[in-house]
Protein backbone atom coordinates (compact mmCIF):
# COMPACT_ATOMS: atom_id res chain seq x y z
CA MET A 1 189.85 36.73 76.64
CA LEU A 2 187.90 33.60 76.22
CA GLY A 3 188.63 30.58 73.76
CA ARG A 4 186.73 29.01 71.73
CA VAL A 5 185.34 25.43 72.61
CA LEU A 6 183.21 24.71 69.48
CA ARG A 7 182.78 26.05 65.69
CA LEU A 8 180.46 24.78 62.86
CA LYS A 9 180.56 25.60 59.38
CA GLU A 10 178.32 25.21 57.29
CA ILE A 11 176.82 21.98 58.27
CA GLU A 12 174.02 20.22 56.94
CA ALA A 13 172.79 16.93 57.76
CA TRP A 14 169.55 15.35 55.78
CA TYR A 15 168.02 11.99 56.28
CA GLY A 16 166.25 10.48 52.89
CA ASP A 17 164.78 13.33 50.68
CA ARG A 18 164.57 15.53 53.81
CA ILE A 19 167.15 18.36 54.68
CA VAL A 20 167.05 19.27 58.20
CA LEU A 21 170.61 21.72 58.72
CA ASN A 22 171.15 23.77 56.01
CA GLY A 23 174.30 25.55 55.69
CA VAL A 24 174.39 26.00 60.21
CA SER A 25 177.17 27.72 61.23
CA LEU A 26 177.65 28.82 65.40
CA SER A 27 180.63 29.66 67.50
CA ALA A 28 180.46 28.91 71.57
CA ASP A 29 183.23 30.01 73.75
CA GLU A 30 184.10 28.87 77.16
CA GLY A 31 182.03 29.96 79.43
CA GLU A 32 179.15 31.08 77.09
CA LEU A 33 175.36 30.24 77.06
CA MET A 34 173.80 29.44 74.63
CA ARG A 35 169.50 28.16 74.23
CA ILE A 36 168.73 27.01 71.04
CA ARG A 37 164.96 27.15 70.84
CA GLY A 38 162.90 25.10 68.03
CA ARG A 39 159.82 23.41 66.95
CA SER A 40 160.04 19.38 67.25
CA GLY A 41 161.26 17.84 64.33
CA SER A 42 162.79 21.32 63.40
CA GLY A 43 166.62 19.57 63.86
CA LYS A 44 167.36 20.38 67.13
CA SER A 45 168.42 17.52 68.82
CA THR A 46 170.15 16.95 64.81
CA LEU A 47 171.81 20.02 65.70
CA LEU A 48 173.02 18.57 69.54
CA ARG A 49 174.38 15.00 68.48
CA ILE A 50 176.63 17.38 65.93
CA MET A 51 177.62 19.08 68.22
CA SER A 52 178.20 15.92 70.64
CA LEU A 53 180.21 14.17 67.70
CA LEU A 54 177.77 11.48 67.86
CA GLN A 55 176.67 12.21 63.81
CA LYS A 56 178.79 13.07 61.32
CA PRO A 57 177.08 16.05 59.27
CA ASN A 58 176.78 15.19 55.77
CA VAL A 59 178.27 18.13 54.90
CA GLY A 60 180.61 21.22 56.66
CA GLU A 61 182.71 20.76 59.36
CA VAL A 62 182.76 20.69 63.24
CA GLU A 63 186.08 22.10 65.38
CA VAL A 64 186.28 21.44 69.64
CA LEU A 65 189.14 23.01 70.50
CA GLY A 66 190.71 24.41 67.74
CA LYS A 67 190.55 20.82 66.09
CA SER A 68 188.61 19.87 62.81
CA ALA A 69 187.22 16.62 64.21
CA TRP A 70 186.42 14.63 61.09
CA SER A 71 189.81 15.24 59.78
CA ILE A 72 191.56 13.79 62.75
CA SER A 73 192.09 9.91 63.60
CA GLU A 74 188.80 8.21 65.81
CA GLY A 75 191.31 8.18 68.98
CA GLU A 76 192.25 11.55 68.29
CA ARG A 77 187.90 12.16 68.26
CA GLU A 78 186.89 10.06 71.10
CA GLU A 79 189.71 12.30 73.00
CA LEU A 80 187.56 14.96 72.06
CA ARG A 81 184.18 14.20 72.97
CA GLY A 82 185.56 13.26 76.46
CA LYS A 83 185.47 16.95 76.49
CA ILE A 84 182.08 17.41 76.31
CA SER A 85 179.56 16.27 77.77
CA TYR A 86 175.66 15.03 76.21
CA ILE A 87 172.59 15.09 78.11
CA PRO A 88 169.87 13.72 75.82
CA GLN A 89 166.16 14.42 75.90
CA PHE A 90 165.03 11.34 78.22
CA LEU A 91 167.87 11.18 81.21
CA GLU A 92 169.72 7.80 80.36
CA LEU A 93 169.55 7.15 84.22
CA ILE A 94 170.54 3.27 84.71
CA GLU A 95 167.41 2.08 87.23
CA ASN A 96 168.75 -0.50 89.24
CA LEU A 97 171.50 1.79 89.96
CA THR A 98 172.36 4.01 92.37
CA VAL A 99 172.46 8.22 91.99
CA LEU A 100 175.82 7.34 93.06
CA GLU A 101 176.84 4.53 90.66
CA ASN A 102 175.36 6.44 88.24
CA VAL A 103 177.92 9.10 88.26
CA GLN A 104 180.36 7.32 88.56
CA LEU A 105 179.59 5.31 85.38
CA ALA A 106 180.48 8.40 83.21
CA LEU A 107 184.66 8.46 84.91
CA GLU A 108 184.36 4.58 84.86
CA VAL A 109 183.60 4.36 80.83
CA ARG A 110 186.39 7.07 80.39
CA GLY A 111 188.84 4.28 82.06
CA ILE A 112 188.96 6.26 85.41
CA GLU A 113 188.56 3.66 88.01
CA ASN A 114 188.25 4.76 92.41
CA GLY A 115 185.91 7.81 90.94
CA GLU A 116 183.67 7.70 93.81
CA ASP A 117 185.73 10.16 95.49
CA ARG A 118 184.89 12.73 92.16
CA ALA A 119 181.40 11.32 92.02
CA ARG A 120 180.49 12.85 95.95
CA GLU A 121 182.31 15.69 94.71
CA ALA A 122 179.86 16.62 91.84
CA LEU A 123 176.29 15.59 93.72
CA GLU A 124 177.41 17.89 96.39
CA VAL A 125 177.90 21.08 93.96
CA LEU A 126 174.88 20.03 92.54
CA GLY A 127 172.92 19.98 95.79
CA ILE A 128 172.27 16.24 96.68
CA ARG A 129 174.57 14.80 98.78
CA GLY A 130 172.41 12.83 100.52
CA PHE A 131 170.76 10.89 98.08
CA GLU A 132 174.12 8.59 96.52
CA GLU A 133 172.13 5.56 97.84
CA ARG A 134 168.61 5.61 96.15
CA LEU A 135 167.43 4.60 92.92
CA PRO A 136 166.77 7.50 90.05
CA ARG A 137 163.15 5.87 91.36
CA GLU A 138 162.96 7.23 93.90
CA LEU A 139 164.10 10.69 92.86
CA SER A 140 162.19 13.54 91.35
CA GLY A 141 161.61 15.73 87.86
CA GLY A 142 164.07 18.00 89.28
CA GLN A 143 166.30 15.49 91.75
CA ARG A 144 167.37 13.37 88.45
CA GLN A 145 167.96 15.89 85.75
CA ARG A 146 170.68 17.54 88.97
CA VAL A 147 171.51 13.45 88.84
CA ALA A 148 171.96 14.05 85.18
CA ILE A 149 174.06 16.86 85.52
CA ALA A 150 176.31 15.75 87.68
CA ARG A 151 177.15 12.58 85.59
CA ALA A 152 177.80 14.96 82.77
CA LEU A 153 179.61 17.33 85.04
CA VAL A 154 182.11 14.56 87.12
CA SER A 155 184.23 14.32 84.00
CA SER A 156 185.55 17.76 83.69
CA PRO A 157 184.23 18.73 80.51
CA LYS A 158 184.75 22.00 78.24
CA ILE A 159 181.48 21.49 76.62
CA LEU A 160 178.16 20.67 78.18
CA ILE A 161 175.29 20.03 75.88
CA ALA A 162 171.10 19.00 77.13
CA ASP A 163 168.59 18.35 75.12
CA GLU A 164 165.16 20.24 75.73
CA PRO A 165 166.26 19.36 79.93
CA THR A 166 163.74 21.13 81.19
CA SER A 167 161.07 19.40 79.17
CA PHE A 168 159.94 17.28 81.99
CA LEU A 169 160.34 19.95 84.70
CA ASP A 170 157.97 22.74 85.72
CA ASP A 171 158.03 26.43 85.36
CA ILE A 172 160.06 26.78 89.24
CA ALA A 173 162.08 23.70 88.88
CA SER A 174 162.79 25.13 85.39
CA SER A 175 164.14 28.50 86.88
CA SER A 176 165.77 27.14 89.51
CA PHE A 177 167.52 24.84 86.60
CA TYR A 178 168.89 27.83 84.45
CA ARG A 179 170.46 29.26 87.79
CA LEU A 180 172.63 25.97 88.22
CA LEU A 181 173.93 26.25 84.50
CA GLU A 182 174.37 30.05 85.13
CA GLU A 183 175.84 28.65 88.09
CA LEU A 184 178.19 25.73 86.82
CA SER A 185 178.89 28.16 83.73
CA SER A 186 180.96 31.34 85.78
CA SER A 187 182.61 28.23 88.48
CA PHE A 188 183.74 25.63 85.90
CA LYS A 189 184.33 28.04 82.89
CA MET A 190 181.89 25.41 80.84
CA GLY A 191 180.30 26.65 77.18
CA ILE A 192 176.89 25.17 78.12
CA ILE A 193 174.76 24.42 74.58
CA VAL A 194 170.89 24.12 75.70
CA SER A 195 168.16 23.14 73.55
CA THR A 196 164.09 23.98 73.82
CA THR A 197 160.71 23.73 72.11
CA GLU A 198 159.61 26.58 73.88
CA LEU A 199 159.27 29.50 71.30
CA ASN A 200 158.02 32.12 73.42
CA LEU A 201 160.59 31.67 77.03
CA PRO A 202 161.38 35.67 77.52
CA LYS A 203 164.92 35.91 76.76
CA ARG A 204 167.36 35.20 80.12
CA SER A 205 170.30 37.39 81.05
CA GLY A 206 173.58 36.39 79.95
CA TRP A 207 172.23 34.08 77.75
CA ARG A 208 172.96 33.87 73.11
CA GLU A 209 169.79 33.05 72.31
CA MET A 210 168.73 31.51 68.90
CA ILE A 211 166.21 30.00 66.34
CA LEU A 212 166.54 26.60 64.15
CA GLU A 213 163.67 27.32 61.92
CA LYS A 214 164.00 24.78 59.13
CA GLY A 215 166.78 23.96 58.37
CA SER A 216 168.99 27.93 59.29
CA LEU A 217 170.07 28.91 62.31
CA ARG A 218 169.37 32.51 63.21
CA GLU A 219 169.86 34.56 66.82
CA LEU A 220 166.91 36.19 68.33
């Protein structure tokens, strides 16, 4: 039986007078694949940041691995953040670090030293061994995306959250990217949640499809 990794209960978020999320609830299990559609400005990034414990909702509860994330100490919350890997829309690869150094950085910020072997393993899983000494500017868009996922994967998260990860990929690279996520979810039993502005994409087998409109989230 798969375990629940994330639950949002009646989440509300606003900026000034603008309501972005209005009573959003959802749950995700380990190994589950979820895609959230929504127009630009619909609140997808806010929702994903709340899921990732990078932003506190104005109202509502966020549970990660059964713990109410904003009712515990900052130290405990930081431990929960360590179980979540978040990939922002604009990939934040550090341009003056090599591919290997970028991936290792995810371990260093968590206080894990001597992580080179784990970083190399993550690159191998993502099919980009041999790129270790390249700089980000020497990579294609699809290769940069794989490095970002390797960096997210290296810390063995329970949940991988990616904000519009295919926005700069062509159709072929996008399809390859989704197949990769499906393989990772199956192999590592990770819950994977992605967002997209492409409202009319055909449904993808094995994915739970959601849409965010006017602050409300519903299943397609």
